Each structure stands twice: as structure tokens, then as C-alpha cells.
C-alpha atoms as a PDB file:
ATOM      1  CA  MET A   1     -28.867  -1.224  44.867  1.00  0.00           C
ATOM      2  CA  GLU A   2     -31.999  -2.252  43.375  1.00  0.00           C
ATOM      3  CA  GLN A   3     -32.527  -3.029  39.700  1.00  0.00           C
ATOM      4  CA  ARG A   4     -35.847  -1.745  38.024  1.00  0.00           C
ATOM      5  CA  THR A   5     -37.300  -4.135  35.394  1.00  0.00           C
ATOM      6  CA  GLU A   6     -39.747  -3.249  32.718  1.00  0.00           C
ATOM      7  CA  GLY A   7     -43.513  -2.611  34.065  1.00  0.00           C
ATOM      8  CA  THR A   8     -41.749  -2.381  38.341  1.00  0.00           C
ATOM      9  CA  PRO A   9     -43.292   0.638  39.947  1.00  0.00           C
ATOM     10  CA  VAL A  10     -40.653   3.487  40.351  1.00  0.00           C
ATOM     11  CA  ARG A  11     -39.286   3.588  43.845  1.00  0.00           C
ATOM     12  CA  ARG A  12     -39.064   7.107  45.198  1.00  0.00           C
ATOM     13  CA  GLY A  13     -37.724   8.501  48.486  1.00  0.00           C
ATOM     14  CA  ARG A  14     -39.836  11.051  50.610  1.00  0.00           C
ATOM     15  CA  GLY A  15     -40.041  15.141  49.637  1.00  0.00           C
ATOM     16  CA  ARG A  16     -41.495  16.811  47.103  1.00  0.00           C
ATOM     17  CA  ARG A  17     -39.928  16.054  43.742  1.00  0.00           C
ATOM     18  CA  PRO A  18     -39.899  19.245  41.417  1.00  0.00           C
ATOM     19  CA  ALA A  19     -42.904  19.456  38.636  1.00  0.00           C
ATOM     20  CA  ASP A  20     -40.940  19.172  35.560  1.00  0.00           C
ATOM     21  CA  GLU A  21     -39.667  15.838  37.241  1.00  0.00           C
ATOM     22  CA  VAL A  22     -42.463  14.504  38.085  1.00  0.00           C
ATOM     23  CA  ARG A  23     -43.956  15.358  34.595  1.00  0.00           C
ATOM     24  CA  ALA A  24     -41.455  13.913  32.819  1.00  0.00           C
ATOM     25  CA  ASP A  25     -41.365  10.645  34.869  1.00  0.00           C
ATOM     26  CA  VAL A  26     -45.149  10.223  34.072  1.00  0.00           C
ATOM     27  CA  LEU A  27     -44.500  10.818  30.440  1.00  0.00           C
ATOM     28  CA  ALA A  28     -41.928   8.071  29.991  1.00  0.00           C
ATOM     29  CA  ALA A  29     -44.059   5.401  31.955  1.00  0.00           C
ATOM     30  CA  ALA A  30     -47.297   6.729  29.900  1.00  0.00           C
ATOM     31  CA  GLY A  31     -45.093   6.044  26.545  1.00  0.00           C
ATOM     32  CA  ALA A  32     -43.864   2.653  27.445  1.00  0.00           C
ATOM     33  CA  LEU A  33     -46.821   1.211  29.159  1.00  0.00           C
ATOM     34  CA  LEU A  34     -48.932   2.680  25.957  1.00  0.00           C
ATOM     35  CA  LEU A  35     -46.442   0.906  23.463  1.00  0.00           C
ATOM     36  CA  ARG A  36     -45.601  -1.869  25.486  1.00  0.00           C
ATOM     37  CA  ASP A  37     -49.542  -3.243  26.517  1.00  0.00           C
ATOM     38  CA  GLY A  38     -51.343  -1.195  24.249  1.00  0.00           C
ATOM     39  CA  LEU A  39     -54.398   1.511  24.647  1.00  0.00           C
ATOM     40  CA  ALA A  40     -57.282  -0.897  26.054  1.00  0.00           C
ATOM     41  CA  ALA A  41     -54.729  -1.532  29.059  1.00  0.00           C
ATOM     42  CA  PHE A  42     -53.979   2.056  29.642  1.00  0.00           C
ATOM     43  CA  THR A  43     -55.427   3.606  32.689  1.00  0.00           C
ATOM     44  CA  PHE A  44     -54.499   5.941  34.934  1.00  0.00           C
ATOM     45  CA  GLU A  45     -54.043   3.509  37.924  1.00  0.00           C
ATOM     46  CA  ARG A  46     -51.275   1.440  35.758  1.00  0.00           C
ATOM     47  CA  VAL A  47     -49.269   4.848  35.238  1.00  0.00           C
ATOM     48  CA  ALA A  48     -49.780   5.888  38.929  1.00  0.00           C
ATOM     49  CA  GLN A  49     -48.016   2.886  39.796  1.00  0.00           C
ATOM     50  CA  GLU A  50     -45.485   2.852  36.736  1.00  0.00           C
ATOM     51  CA  ALA A  51     -44.190   6.482  37.311  1.00  0.00           C
ATOM     52  CA  GLY A  52     -44.429   6.201  41.071  1.00  0.00           C
ATOM     53  CA  VAL A  53     -47.034   8.958  41.369  1.00  0.00           C
ATOM     54  CA  SER A  54     -50.800   9.669  42.613  1.00  0.00           C
ATOM     55  CA  LYS A  55     -53.401   9.413  40.245  1.00  0.00           C
ATOM     56  CA  THR A  56     -54.264  12.791  41.807  1.00  0.00           C
ATOM     57  CA  THR A  57     -50.989  14.370  40.629  1.00  0.00           C
ATOM     58  CA  LEU A  58     -52.553  12.549  36.627  1.00  0.00           C
ATOM     59  CA  HIS A  59     -55.783  14.452  37.241  1.00  0.00           C
ATOM     60  CA  LYS A  60     -54.664  17.134  37.894  1.00  0.00           C
ATOM     61  CA  TRP A  61     -52.761  17.391  34.415  1.00  0.00           C
ATOM     62  CA  TRP A  62     -54.484  15.723  32.347  1.00  0.00           C
ATOM     63  CA  PRO A  63     -58.578  15.543  32.623  1.00  0.00           C
ATOM     64  CA  SER A  64     -59.480  12.566  30.475  1.00  0.00           C
ATOM     65  CA  ARG A  65     -57.096   8.957  29.777  1.00  0.00           C
ATOM     66  CA  GLY A  66     -57.149   9.797  26.125  1.00  0.00           C
ATOM     67  CA  THR A  67     -54.637  12.908  26.831  1.00  0.00           C
ATOM     68  CA  LEU A  68     -52.989  11.338  29.210  1.00  0.00           C
ATOM     69  CA  ALA A  69     -52.268   8.473  26.175  1.00  0.00           C
ATOM     70  CA  LEU A  70     -51.767  11.167  23.739  1.00  0.00           C
ATOM     71  CA  ASP A  71     -48.981  12.560  25.864  1.00  0.00           C
ATOM     72  CA  GLY A  72     -47.459   9.540  26.193  1.00  0.00           C
ATOM     73  CA  TYR A  73     -47.019   8.610  22.602  1.00  0.00           C
ATOM     74  CA  PHE A  74     -45.613  11.494  21.682  1.00  0.00           C
ATOM     75  CA  HIS A  75     -43.452  11.419  24.131  1.00  0.00           C
ATOM     76  CA  ALA A  76     -42.461   8.377  23.523  1.00  0.00           C
ATOM     77  CA  VAL A  77     -42.216   8.584  19.074  1.00  0.00           C
ATOM     78  CA  GLU A  78     -41.316  12.146  19.245  1.00  0.00           C
ATOM     79  CA  SER A  79     -37.397  11.813  18.408  1.00  0.00           C
ATOM     80  CA  ALA A  80     -38.663   9.317  15.401  1.00  0.00           C
ATOM     81  CA  LEU A  81     -40.717  12.288  13.628  1.00  0.00           C
ATOM     82  CA  ALA A  82     -37.923  14.858  13.439  1.00  0.00           C
ATOM     83  CA  PHE A  83     -38.170  16.901  10.732  1.00  0.00           C
ATOM     84  CA  PRO A  84     -35.103  17.183   8.561  1.00  0.00           C
ATOM     85  CA  ASP A  85     -33.872  20.276   7.060  1.00  0.00           C
ATOM     86  CA  THR A  86     -31.285  19.272   4.891  1.00  0.00           C
ATOM     87  CA  GLY A  87     -32.775  22.403   1.953  1.00  0.00           C
ATOM     88  CA  ASP A  88     -33.598  19.745  -0.594  1.00  0.00           C
ATOM     89  CA  ILE A  89     -37.035  19.509  -0.142  1.00  0.00           C
ATOM     90  CA  GLY A  90     -37.553  16.217  -2.101  1.00  0.00           C
ATOM     91  CA  ALA A  91     -34.741  14.117   0.172  1.00  0.00           C
ATOM     92  CA  ASP A  92     -36.627  16.003   3.346  1.00  0.00           C
ATOM     93  CA  LEU A  93     -39.970  15.217   2.417  1.00  0.00           C
ATOM     94  CA  THR A  94     -39.174  11.261   1.174  1.00  0.00           C
ATOM     95  CA  SER A  95     -37.242  11.059   4.354  1.00  0.00           C
ATOM     96  CA  GLN A  96     -39.832  12.030   7.076  1.00  0.00           C
ATOM     97  CA  VAL A  97     -42.683  10.160   5.402  1.00  0.00           C
ATOM     98  CA  ARG A  98     -40.435   7.131   5.362  1.00  0.00           C
ATOM     99  CA  ALA A  99     -39.525   7.657   8.932  1.00  0.00           C
ATOM    100  CA  PHE A 100     -43.431   7.743   9.980  1.00  0.00           C
ATOM    101  CA  VAL A 101     -44.448   5.029   7.860  1.00  0.00           C
ATOM    102  CA  ARG A 102     -41.629   2.974   9.663  1.00  0.00           C
ATOM    103  CA  LEU A 103     -42.742   4.241  12.836  1.00  0.00           C
ATOM    104  CA  LEU A 104     -46.294   2.907  11.925  1.00  0.00           C
ATOM    105  CA  THR A 105     -45.504  -0.503  10.348  1.00  0.00           C
ATOM    106  CA  GLY A 106     -42.657  -1.314  12.277  1.00  0.00           C
ATOM    107  CA  THR A 107     -43.408  -0.968  16.173  1.00  0.00           C
ATOM    108  CA  PRO A 108     -46.743  -0.921  17.697  1.00  0.00           C
ATOM    109  CA  ALA A 109     -47.489   2.754  17.718  1.00  0.00           C
ATOM    110  CA  GLY A 110     -49.427   2.619  14.427  1.00  0.00           C
ATOM    111  CA  ARG A 111     -51.521   0.600  16.020  1.00  0.00           C
ATOM    112  CA  VAL A 112     -51.918   2.874  19.420  1.00  0.00           C
ATOM    113  CA  ILE A 113     -52.575   5.818  17.124  1.00  0.00           C
ATOM    114  CA  GLY A 114     -55.146   4.106  15.395  1.00  0.00           C
ATOM    115  CA  GLY A 115     -57.073   3.734  18.654  1.00  0.00           C
ATOM    116  CA  LEU A 116     -56.900   7.258  19.752  1.00  0.00           C
ATOM    117  CA  ILE A 117     -57.716   8.658  16.994  1.00  0.00           C
ATOM    118  CA  GLY A 118     -60.729   6.147  16.919  1.00  0.00           C
ATOM    119  CA  GLN A 119     -61.129   7.487  20.118  1.00  0.00           C
ATOM    120  CA  ALA A 120     -61.000  10.913  20.002  1.00  0.00           C
ATOM    121  CA  GLN A 121     -64.350  10.676  17.884  1.00  0.00           C
ATOM    122  CA  THR A 122     -66.070  10.478  21.822  1.00  0.00           C
ATOM    123  CA  ASP A 123     -63.435  12.211  23.384  1.00  0.00           C
ATOM    124  CA  PRO A 124     -63.924  16.031  23.108  1.00  0.00           C
ATOM    125  CA  ASP A 125     -60.716  16.369  25.286  1.00  0.00           C
ATOM    126  CA  LEU A 126     -58.387  13.736  23.180  1.00  0.00           C
ATOM    127  CA  SER A 127     -60.033  15.085  20.073  1.00  0.00           C
ATOM    128  CA  ALA A 128     -58.544  18.911  21.241  1.00  0.00           C
ATOM    129  CA  ALA A 129     -55.565  17.807  22.333  1.00  0.00           C
ATOM    130  CA  LEU A 130     -55.134  15.618  19.373  1.00  0.00           C
ATOM    131  CA  LEU A 131     -55.135  18.471  17.238  1.00  0.00           C
ATOM    132  CA  GLN A 132     -53.307  21.661  19.871  1.00  0.00           C
ATOM    133  CA  ARG A 133     -50.531  19.087  20.758  1.00  0.00           C
ATOM    134  CA  TYR A 134     -50.063  16.375  17.780  1.00  0.00           C
ATOM    135  CA  THR A 135     -51.564  16.716  14.270  1.00  0.00           C
ATOM    136  CA  GLY A 136     -51.245  20.610  14.664  1.00  0.00           C
ATOM    137  CA  PRO A 137     -47.650  20.924  15.709  1.00  0.00           C
ATOM    138  CA  ARG A 138     -46.910  18.160  13.203  1.00  0.00           C
ATOM    139  CA  ARG A 139     -48.841  19.868  10.479  1.00  0.00           C
ATOM    140  CA  GLU A 140     -46.977  22.824  11.082  1.00  0.00           C
ATOM    141  CA  LEU A 141     -43.239  21.607  10.503  1.00  0.00           C
ATOM    142  CA  ALA A 142     -44.243  20.258   7.085  1.00  0.00           C
ATOM    143  CA  VAL A 143     -46.122  23.562   6.192  1.00  0.00           C
ATOM    144  CA  THR A 144     -42.858  25.439   7.433  1.00  0.00           C
ATOM    145  CA  ALA A 145     -40.332  23.393   5.404  1.00  0.00           C
ATOM    146  CA  MET A 146     -42.777  23.442   2.232  1.00  0.00           C
ATOM    147  CA  ARG A 147     -42.898  26.987   2.761  1.00  0.00           C
ATOM    148  CA  ARG A 148     -38.966  27.641   2.816  1.00  0.00           C
ATOM    149  CA  ALA A 149     -39.116  25.191  -0.220  1.00  0.00           C
ATOM    150  CA  GLN A 150     -41.202  27.751  -2.190  1.00  0.00           C
ATOM    151  CA  ASP A 151     -38.888  30.687  -1.008  1.00  0.00           C
ATOM    152  CA  ARG A 152     -35.782  28.506  -2.658  1.00  0.00           C
ATOM    153  CA  GLY A 153     -37.954  27.707  -5.662  1.00  0.00           C
ATOM    154  CA  GLN A 154     -37.926  24.129  -5.163  1.00  0.00           C
ATOM    155  CA  LEU A 155     -41.504  24.123  -5.104  1.00  0.00           C
ATOM    156  CA  ARG A 156     -44.204  26.089  -6.768  1.00  0.00           C
ATOM    157  CA  ALA A 157     -45.307  29.630  -5.537  1.00  0.00           C
ATOM    158  CA  ASP A 158     -48.976  28.439  -5.892  1.00  0.00           C
ATOM    159  CA  ALA A 159     -48.874  25.133  -4.307  1.00  0.00           C
ATOM    160  CA  ASP A 160     -50.830  24.907  -1.313  1.00  0.00           C
ATOM    161  CA  PRO A 161     -48.749  23.729   1.586  1.00  0.00           C
ATOM    162  CA  GLN A 162     -51.554  22.593   3.497  1.00  0.00           C
ATOM    163  CA  VAL A 163     -53.172  20.630   1.034  1.00  0.00           C
ATOM    164  CA  LEU A 164     -49.501  18.930   0.216  1.00  0.00           C
ATOM    165  CA  VAL A 165     -49.614  17.977   4.236  1.00  0.00           C
ATOM    166  CA  ASP A 166     -52.649  16.313   3.554  1.00  0.00           C
ATOM    167  CA  GLN A 167     -51.478  14.299   0.911  1.00  0.00           C
ATOM    168  CA  LEU A 168     -48.854  12.801   2.026  1.00  0.00           C
ATOM    169  CA  TRP A 169     -49.944  12.510   5.602  1.00  0.00           C
ATOM    170  CA  GLY A 170     -53.580  11.611   5.102  1.00  0.00           C
ATOM    171  CA  ALA A 171     -52.529   9.006   2.081  1.00  0.00           C
ATOM    172  CA  CYS A 172     -50.909   7.142   5.485  1.00  0.00           C
ATOM    173  CA  TYR A 173     -53.291   7.757   7.730  1.00  0.00           C
ATOM    174  CA  HIS A 174     -55.802   5.982   5.067  1.00  0.00           C
ATOM    175  CA  ARG A 175     -53.761   3.171   4.586  1.00  0.00           C
ATOM    176  CA  LEU A 176     -53.298   3.043   8.402  1.00  0.00           C
ATOM    177  CA  LEU A 177     -56.617   2.891   8.947  1.00  0.00           C
ATOM    178  CA  LEU A 178     -57.871   1.112   5.957  1.00  0.00           C
ATOM    179  CA  PRO A 179     -56.088  -0.923   4.915  1.00  0.00           C
ATOM    180  CA  ASP A 180     -57.415  -1.928   1.712  1.00  0.00           C
ATOM    181  CA  GLU A 181     -53.601  -1.281   0.495  1.00  0.00           C
ATOM    182  CA  PRO A 182     -50.399  -1.941   2.276  1.00  0.00           C
ATOM    183  CA  LEU A 183     -48.281   0.920   3.888  1.00  0.00           C
ATOM    184  CA  THR A 184     -45.111   0.462   2.859  1.00  0.00           C
ATOM    185  CA  GLU A 185     -41.979   2.827   2.431  1.00  0.00           C
ATOM    186  CA  GLU A 186     -41.820   2.183  -1.455  1.00  0.00           C
ATOM    187  CA  PHE A 187     -45.507   3.789  -0.877  1.00  0.00           C
ATOM    188  CA  ALA A 188     -43.878   6.647   0.674  1.00  0.00           C
ATOM    189  CA  ASP A 189     -41.512   7.167  -2.066  1.00  0.00           C
ATOM    190  CA  ARG A 190     -44.209   7.097  -4.790  1.00  0.00           C
ATOM    191  CA  LEU A 191     -46.376   9.746  -2.760  1.00  0.00           C
ATOM    192  CA  VAL A 192     -43.304  11.974  -2.505  1.00  0.00           C
ATOM    193  CA  ALA A 193     -42.351  11.544  -6.105  1.00  0.00           C
ATOM    194  CA  ASN A 194     -45.747  12.210  -7.280  1.00  0.00           C
ATOM    195  CA  LEU A 195     -46.366  15.373  -6.101  1.00  0.00           C
ATOM    196  CA  LEU A 196     -43.125  16.743  -6.618  1.00  0.00           C
ATOM    197  CA  HIS A 197     -44.318  15.672 -10.645  1.00  0.00           C
ATOM    198  CA  GLY A 198     -46.839  17.598  -9.697  1.00  0.00           C
ATOM    199  CA  VAL A 199     -45.872  20.777  -8.094  1.00  0.00           C
ATOM    200  CA  GLY A 200     -41.774  20.991  -8.022  1.00  0.00           C
ATOM    201  CA  THR A 201     -40.103  23.209 -10.332  1.00  0.00           C
ATOM    202  CA  GLY A 202     -37.392  20.993 -11.445  1.00  0.00           C
END
């Protein structure tokens, strides 16, 4: 049986495959290519080759290189960004922000998302996709967790979860994109501690 090495195109037999299977193969190939070779080397041609699909198939689902890269990126990192729900908002926020920082600084993901954010400034399709499929859903997970914590009495009822999200993750993105100060897990701990000192009820 032929073994596939990293970067080797997928070889498919004849016959039409289910769309969800094709899409999953494309996202896996796109994510792997993006994290391995970076955004500058990311093209429809290379994803099509590695996923074993046609460029026409890619263009049917993704209007631009950036939107395909974004979906590939999230497919690759989604499991690392799971939001815990232990009932302890301090522990959950610390765990999630630490995981986010580790992803940005310990893997190629930080360089990739920085490039996608930059490209989104001139790519309307990518800008809309970034909000609808990545930052919007990620924000909602955090806001929901904080509202549950308010219901449990762990955060002040008058605290605005939307602003709290900006204070935590916005600070991480700031250090990623404007690295005048290091982005570390210790920084993540201090962010959460300072926030809870201001809006916690304990």
C-alpha cells in the first residue's frame, strides 16, 4: 500500500465523493499547508493538488484565497481553542487564554493569523469571513461563559462581557501584532487576575 508523506498530493480513485468528505479533505490540506509553508506560499493550486480536488471545486466554496486560508486555519487550530466550562470562571479564563497564547507563540499559528488579519484589511470577503466564522463565534463562546459566571455570582452583574473579551483577547492580539512587549503565559495569568480583581465578586 502506497504511503503518503507530508505535502504529497492525495490520490483518489474514480467516482464522485460526498461533498462533506471533499470539504473535510480540503480543509485538512489547507490547514496543513498554511501552518507548514505560511500564507505567502498558500495558493488555490497548491491546496487543490494536496487535497486531490479541482480548483473549480475550491472556487465554488471559497471566493478568495484568504477565505480558504481562514477556514483551513480554524480547522487546524479549533481543538486547541476549546473553551472549558468547569464552573470556575477564573480557572476557565486562565486555561483558555493560556491555550490561546501557547498557540500564537509556540506554533506557526501566530504568524498565520497575523497575516490573515493584515490581509483582511484589503480583502472584503476575508474580512467578512473573519467576523462570521472566526472572531464572532470565538467572542460568543467567551461572552456566554462570562454571562453564566454572572448568573452564578462570580462576576459583577454590571460588568459588560463584550468589553471583558476585548480586554483579555484584545491585549493578546496587541502583543502579537505590535510586539513591543512579550506575549507569554505569565502575561495571560496577569490579564485574567487583573480583570477578576476589577469585576469579580470574590
